[in-house]
């Protein structure tokens, strides 16, 4: 039996939050259904943030009951602070994602807190979530480089990950928020963390700004990581991180992992319809490289052979 890999679809949240075109709630629900139909089981569809700061997420509470339901589905809500946590709790989310950036500059722009204040806020939320029986995943954002201060030392994301585990976070996600990292850095950051905490407690979140997301994803997989974020069609971008482009496209990550023997349970052909809807909704061309290749094969009258 093939080794299992988890892909957490963040297109509905991270993918849409920075789009200039507002996507309506019903269309988001349709996109969620197409993703689930394609085999997606882990999704981050919303964030409970200020609608003034991120208007695209203003319908988080309205979207939640419209999402596909089932015991096989796992939903996460991103929350920036204790107020966001309370809203996610009221909406019934079993898992919340917290954000802790590596520098004062990034935390100030993202959360209006210093690094220490943001770390303490995460610790408070983690404690509350443990009391409430809600799982937590803490994102170490800008783990490879800060959009304002540049490269960060390898020791910094490691120290923050250790601190969040000590506070009780169930998982930690190492996030290349602006797509500035490389596989060597991935290995340097992850190797001691995996040794100390186990690969099963880590997610990897990658943006493909400089074209190295696939190489970094495979480096993480080679180290034993089996949990990844991705965004349908390569949607993405952080409103507080200048220069950040889209996440690694879900369909490309599925192809990478499946072609190397890891089972994602996700059908690339099924993702094509989701990509088409996302492109229509955002009024921009979308799609990973594997979809371009499939289309080129079909234009030649061939049936794309993926495996």
Protein backbone atom coordinates (compact mmCIF):
# COMPACT_ATOMS: atom_id res chain seq x y z
CA UNK A 1 0.00 0.00 0.00
CA UNK A 2 1.35 3.41 -0.98
CA UNK A 3 2.55 5.81 1.69
CA UNK A 4 -0.18 8.33 2.46
CA UNK A 5 0.25 12.09 2.02
CA UNK A 6 -2.15 14.80 3.13
CA UNK A 7 -2.77 17.89 1.01
CA UNK A 8 -4.61 20.68 2.78
CA UNK A 9 -6.41 22.88 0.24
CA UNK A 10 -5.97 26.55 1.13
CA UNK A 11 -7.24 28.06 -2.12
CA UNK A 12 -10.53 29.22 -0.65
CA UNK A 13 -8.69 31.17 2.04
CA UNK A 14 -5.08 31.94 1.13
CA UNK A 15 -5.91 31.74 -2.55
CA UNK A 16 -8.76 34.24 -2.50
CA UNK A 17 -7.79 36.64 0.27
CA UNK A 18 -5.62 38.81 -1.95
CA UNK A 19 -7.70 38.75 -5.13
CA UNK A 20 -8.97 42.10 -6.47
CA UNK A 21 -12.23 40.48 -7.59
CA UNK A 22 -14.64 39.59 -4.78
CA UNK A 23 -15.84 36.00 -5.05
CA UNK A 24 -19.38 35.50 -3.77
CA UNK A 25 -20.26 33.00 -1.06
CA UNK A 26 -22.23 30.63 -3.28
CA UNK A 27 -19.34 30.38 -5.74
CA UNK A 28 -16.95 29.58 -2.89
CA UNK A 29 -19.32 26.82 -1.77
CA UNK A 30 -19.42 25.44 -5.34
CA UNK A 31 -15.63 25.47 -5.47
CA UNK A 32 -15.44 23.61 -2.17
CA UNK A 33 -17.81 20.96 -3.53
CA UNK A 34 -15.72 20.48 -6.69
CA UNK A 35 -12.58 20.10 -4.60
CA UNK A 36 -14.21 17.53 -2.35
CA UNK A 37 -15.55 15.69 -5.39
CA UNK A 38 -11.97 15.52 -6.69
CA UNK A 39 -10.91 13.75 -3.49
CA UNK A 40 -9.86 16.65 -1.28
CA UNK A 41 -10.36 15.78 2.40
CA UNK A 42 -8.53 18.59 4.17
CA UNK A 43 -9.53 22.20 3.49
CA UNK A 44 -8.90 25.62 5.00
CA UNK A 45 -11.90 27.54 3.61
CA UNK A 46 -12.03 30.65 5.81
CA UNK A 47 -10.24 33.01 8.13
CA UNK A 48 -11.96 34.95 10.88
CA UNK A 49 -10.27 38.30 10.40
CA UNK A 50 -11.32 41.92 10.21
CA UNK A 51 -13.45 42.40 7.07
CA UNK A 52 -11.90 45.85 6.73
CA UNK A 53 -8.43 44.32 6.53
CA UNK A 54 -9.36 41.40 4.27
CA UNK A 55 -12.79 41.92 2.63
CA UNK A 56 -12.63 38.60 0.78
CA UNK A 57 -13.03 36.77 4.10
CA UNK A 58 -16.00 38.81 5.36
CA UNK A 59 -18.38 35.90 4.62
CA UNK A 60 -16.55 33.31 6.76
CA UNK A 61 -19.53 32.66 9.03
CA UNK A 62 -21.97 32.57 6.09
CA UNK A 63 -19.83 30.17 4.05
CA UNK A 64 -19.23 27.66 6.84
CA UNK A 65 -22.69 25.97 6.86
CA UNK A 66 -22.63 25.75 3.03
CA UNK A 67 -19.49 23.61 2.97
CA UNK A 68 -19.74 19.90 2.11
CA UNK A 69 -20.20 17.76 5.20
CA UNK A 70 -18.97 14.31 6.19
CA UNK A 71 -16.87 12.56 8.80
CA UNK A 72 -14.13 12.14 6.19
CA UNK A 73 -13.73 15.92 5.79
CA UNK A 74 -11.40 18.01 7.92
CA UNK A 75 -11.83 21.78 8.05
CA UNK A 76 -9.50 24.39 9.50
CA UNK A 77 -10.14 28.10 10.10
CA UNK A 78 -7.29 30.58 10.18
CA UNK A 79 -7.44 32.98 13.12
CA UNK A 80 -5.21 35.98 13.90
CA UNK A 81 -6.13 36.60 17.53
CA UNK A 82 -8.37 35.57 20.43
CA UNK A 83 -11.42 37.27 18.92
CA UNK A 84 -10.93 35.27 15.73
CA UNK A 85 -10.57 32.12 17.81
CA UNK A 86 -13.90 32.74 19.53
CA UNK A 87 -15.60 33.22 16.15
CA UNK A 88 -14.08 30.01 14.80
CA UNK A 89 -15.16 28.18 17.93
CA UNK A 90 -18.73 29.48 17.58
CA UNK A 91 -18.75 28.37 13.94
CA UNK A 92 -17.80 24.85 15.02
CA UNK A 93 -14.34 24.46 13.54
CA UNK A 94 -12.48 21.49 15.05
CA UNK A 95 -9.06 22.88 14.11
CA UNK A 96 -7.73 26.43 14.06
CA UNK A 97 -4.61 27.73 12.37
CA UNK A 98 -2.57 30.41 14.13
CA UNK A 99 0.04 32.65 12.55
CA UNK A 100 3.37 33.66 14.05
CA UNK A 101 5.82 35.49 11.81
CA UNK A 102 9.57 35.37 12.32
CA UNK A 103 10.21 39.12 12.66
CA UNK A 104 8.81 42.14 14.43
CA UNK A 105 8.26 43.86 11.08
CA UNK A 106 6.12 41.08 9.63
CA UNK A 107 4.11 40.59 12.82
CA UNK A 108 3.45 44.32 13.09
CA UNK A 109 2.02 44.48 9.57
CA UNK A 110 0.17 41.18 9.76
CA UNK A 111 -1.12 41.21 13.34
CA UNK A 112 -0.24 44.66 14.70
CA UNK A 113 1.88 42.97 17.35
CA UNK A 114 5.58 42.56 18.01
CA UNK A 115 7.10 39.11 17.64
CA UNK A 116 6.96 38.55 21.40
CA UNK A 117 3.39 39.80 21.64
CA UNK A 118 2.36 37.53 18.77
CA UNK A 119 4.06 34.53 20.40
CA UNK A 120 2.29 35.22 23.68
CA UNK A 121 -1.03 35.60 21.85
CA UNK A 122 -0.52 32.20 20.22
CA UNK A 123 0.25 30.66 23.60
CA UNK A 124 -2.95 32.11 25.05
CA UNK A 125 -5.04 30.80 22.17
CA UNK A 126 -3.42 27.37 22.29
CA UNK A 127 -4.23 27.12 26.00
CA UNK A 128 -7.86 28.10 25.35
CA UNK A 129 -8.14 25.62 22.49
CA UNK A 130 -6.80 22.79 24.64
CA UNK A 131 -9.49 23.56 27.20
CA UNK A 132 -12.15 23.57 24.48
CA UNK A 133 -10.94 20.39 22.75
CA UNK A 134 -9.99 22.24 19.56
CA UNK A 135 -6.81 21.27 17.71
CA UNK A 136 -4.22 23.90 16.82
CA UNK A 137 -1.75 24.26 13.98
CA UNK A 138 0.70 27.14 14.33
CA UNK A 139 2.19 28.60 11.16
CA UNK A 140 5.72 29.94 11.37
CA UNK A 141 5.30 32.52 8.64
CA UNK A 142 8.27 33.93 6.78
CA UNK A 143 10.31 30.95 7.96
CA UNK A 144 12.86 31.39 5.19
CA UNK A 145 12.76 35.15 4.68
CA UNK A 146 10.82 38.18 5.87
CA UNK A 147 9.27 40.39 3.17
CA UNK A 148 10.53 43.45 5.03
CA UNK A 149 13.79 42.39 6.72
CA UNK A 150 15.10 39.79 4.30
CA UNK A 151 16.59 36.36 5.12
CA UNK A 152 16.14 34.99 8.63
CA UNK A 153 18.56 32.65 10.42
CA UNK A 154 17.66 28.96 10.40
CA UNK A 155 17.59 28.95 14.19
CA UNK A 156 14.68 31.41 14.38
CA UNK A 157 11.86 29.27 12.90
CA UNK A 158 13.28 26.34 14.84
CA UNK A 159 13.09 28.23 18.13
CA UNK A 160 9.56 29.45 17.42
CA UNK A 161 8.41 25.93 16.49
CA UNK A 162 9.87 24.57 19.72
CA UNK A 163 8.13 27.29 21.69
CA UNK A 164 4.76 26.56 20.10
CA UNK A 165 5.09 22.83 20.76
CA UNK A 166 6.00 23.61 24.36
CA UNK A 167 2.81 25.69 24.58
CA UNK A 168 0.78 22.69 23.39
CA UNK A 169 0.29 23.28 19.67
CA UNK A 170 -0.71 20.01 18.03
CA UNK A 171 1.09 20.79 14.79
CA UNK A 172 3.46 23.37 13.36
CA UNK A 173 3.57 24.50 9.74
CA UNK A 174 6.80 25.82 8.29
CA UNK A 175 5.71 28.47 5.81
CA UNK A 176 7.69 29.99 2.95
CA UNK A 177 5.27 32.90 2.75
CA UNK A 178 7.03 34.82 0.00
CA UNK A 179 8.59 31.90 -1.88
CA UNK A 180 12.15 32.87 -1.02
CA UNK A 181 13.50 29.56 0.24
CA UNK A 182 15.41 26.70 -1.34
CA UNK A 183 15.69 22.95 -0.70
CA UNK A 184 18.95 23.28 1.23
CA UNK A 185 17.27 25.67 3.67
CA UNK A 186 14.31 23.31 3.98
CA UNK A 187 16.66 20.52 4.99
CA UNK A 188 18.53 22.74 7.45
CA UNK A 189 15.35 23.92 9.17
CA UNK A 190 13.43 20.66 9.20
CA UNK A 191 16.08 18.05 10.02
CA UNK A 192 16.53 18.89 13.74
CA UNK A 193 12.81 19.62 14.18
CA UNK A 194 11.85 16.23 12.75
CA UNK A 195 14.46 14.55 14.91
CA UNK A 196 13.08 16.21 18.06
CA UNK A 197 9.33 16.19 17.39
CA UNK A 198 8.61 13.70 14.60
CA UNK A 199 7.75 14.40 10.96
CA UNK A 200 4.06 13.67 11.53
CA UNK A 201 3.64 16.90 13.52
CA UNK A 202 4.68 19.18 10.65
CA UNK A 203 3.02 20.80 7.66
CA UNK A 204 4.88 22.61 4.90
CA UNK A 205 3.31 25.68 3.26
CA UNK A 206 4.99 26.87 0.06
CA UNK A 207 4.60 29.76 -2.35
CA UNK A 208 6.08 29.39 -5.82
CA UNK A 209 7.34 32.94 -6.32
CA UNK A 210 10.77 31.88 -7.59
CA UNK A 211 9.84 28.49 -9.01
CA UNK A 212 11.31 26.30 -6.27
CA UNK A 213 8.15 25.17 -4.48
CA UNK A 214 8.17 21.69 -6.06
CA UNK A 215 11.83 21.14 -5.19
CA UNK A 216 11.21 22.25 -1.62
CA UNK A 217 8.10 20.09 -1.31
CA UNK A 218 10.05 17.05 -2.40
CA UNK A 219 12.89 17.84 -0.02
CA UNK A 220 10.37 17.96 2.82
CA UNK A 221 8.80 14.69 1.64
CA UNK A 222 12.22 13.06 1.43
CA UNK A 223 12.78 14.07 5.06
CA UNK A 224 9.52 12.34 6.02
CA UNK A 225 6.98 15.17 5.97
CA UNK A 226 3.59 13.98 4.72
CA UNK A 227 1.41 17.06 5.22
CA UNK A 228 1.37 19.94 2.75
CA UNK A 229 -0.67 23.03 1.94
CA UNK A 230 -1.50 23.84 -1.67
CA UNK A 231 -3.89 26.07 -3.57
CA UNK A 232 -6.06 25.11 -6.52
CA UNK A 233 -4.73 26.54 -9.75
CA UNK A 234 -1.83 28.20 -7.91
CA UNK A 235 -4.03 30.91 -6.40
CA UNK A 236 -2.50 32.86 -3.55
CA UNK A 237 -0.63 35.80 -2.20
CA UNK A 238 -0.44 37.52 1.17
CA UNK A 239 -1.84 41.07 1.51
CA UNK A 240 0.82 41.79 4.13
CA UNK A 241 3.78 40.31 2.24
CA UNK A 242 4.79 42.39 -0.79
CA UNK A 243 5.98 40.26 -3.69
CA UNK A 244 4.34 37.04 -2.55
CA UNK A 245 2.75 35.19 -5.44
CA UNK A 246 0.57 32.11 -5.51
CA UNK A 247 0.91 28.95 -3.49
CA UNK A 248 2.14 25.79 -5.11
CA UNK A 249 -0.68 24.60 -7.35
CA UNK A 250 -2.61 21.72 -5.82
CA UNK A 251 -2.64 19.81 -9.09
CA UNK A 252 1.16 20.08 -9.44
CA UNK A 253 1.70 18.91 -5.87
CA UNK A 254 -0.66 15.97 -6.42
CA UNK A 255 1.28 15.01 -9.55
CA UNK A 256 4.65 15.35 -7.80
CA UNK A 257 3.67 13.19 -4.82
CA UNK A 258 1.67 10.60 -6.73
CA UNK A 259 4.34 10.15 -9.42
CA UNK A 260 6.86 9.48 -6.65
CA UNK A 261 4.70 6.84 -5.00
CA UNK A 262 2.80 8.80 -2.35
CA UNK A 263 -0.97 8.40 -2.26
CA UNK A 264 -2.93 11.66 -1.95
CA UNK A 265 -6.37 10.28 -2.80
CA UNK A 266 -6.90 13.28 -5.10
CA UNK A 267 -7.79 13.02 -8.77
CA UNK A 268 -6.03 15.52 -11.03
CA UNK A 269 -8.69 15.22 -13.71
CA UNK A 270 -11.28 16.11 -11.08
CA UNK A 271 -9.28 19.20 -10.13
CA UNK A 272 -9.54 20.61 -13.66
CA UNK A 273 -13.15 21.63 -13.13
CA UNK A 274 -12.26 23.30 -9.83
CA UNK A 275 -9.45 25.22 -11.52
CA UNK A 276 -11.81 26.35 -14.28
CA UNK A 277 -14.33 27.66 -11.75
CA UNK A 278 -11.61 29.43 -9.75
CA UNK A 279 -10.31 31.07 -12.94
CA UNK A 280 -13.79 32.20 -13.91
CA UNK A 281 -14.52 33.54 -10.43
CA UNK A 282 -11.27 35.49 -10.12
CA UNK A 283 -11.21 36.56 -13.77
CA UNK A 284 -7.63 35.46 -14.26
CA UNK A 285 -5.86 32.52 -15.92
CA UNK A 286 -5.00 29.74 -13.49
CA UNK A 287 -3.59 26.25 -13.54
CA UNK A 288 -0.45 24.37 -12.71
CA UNK A 289 2.07 23.07 -15.19
CA UNK A 290 0.61 19.58 -15.22
CA UNK A 291 -2.68 20.98 -16.55
CA UNK A 292 -0.84 22.83 -19.33
CA UNK A 293 0.85 19.58 -20.28
CA UNK A 294 -2.44 17.66 -20.24
CA UNK A 295 -4.03 20.28 -22.47
CA UNK A 296 -1.12 20.12 -24.92
CA UNK A 297 -1.47 16.35 -25.15
CA UNK A 298 -5.17 16.64 -25.83
CA UNK A 299 -4.58 19.20 -28.59
CA UNK A 300 -2.44 16.55 -30.28
CA UNK A 301 -5.28 14.07 -30.00
CA UNK A 302 -3.54 12.09 -27.28
CA UNK A 303 -4.90 10.92 -23.95
CA UNK A 304 -2.62 12.25 -21.18
CA UNK A 305 -0.93 9.37 -19.37
CA UNK A 306 -0.07 10.66 -15.92
CA UNK A 307 1.46 7.61 -14.26
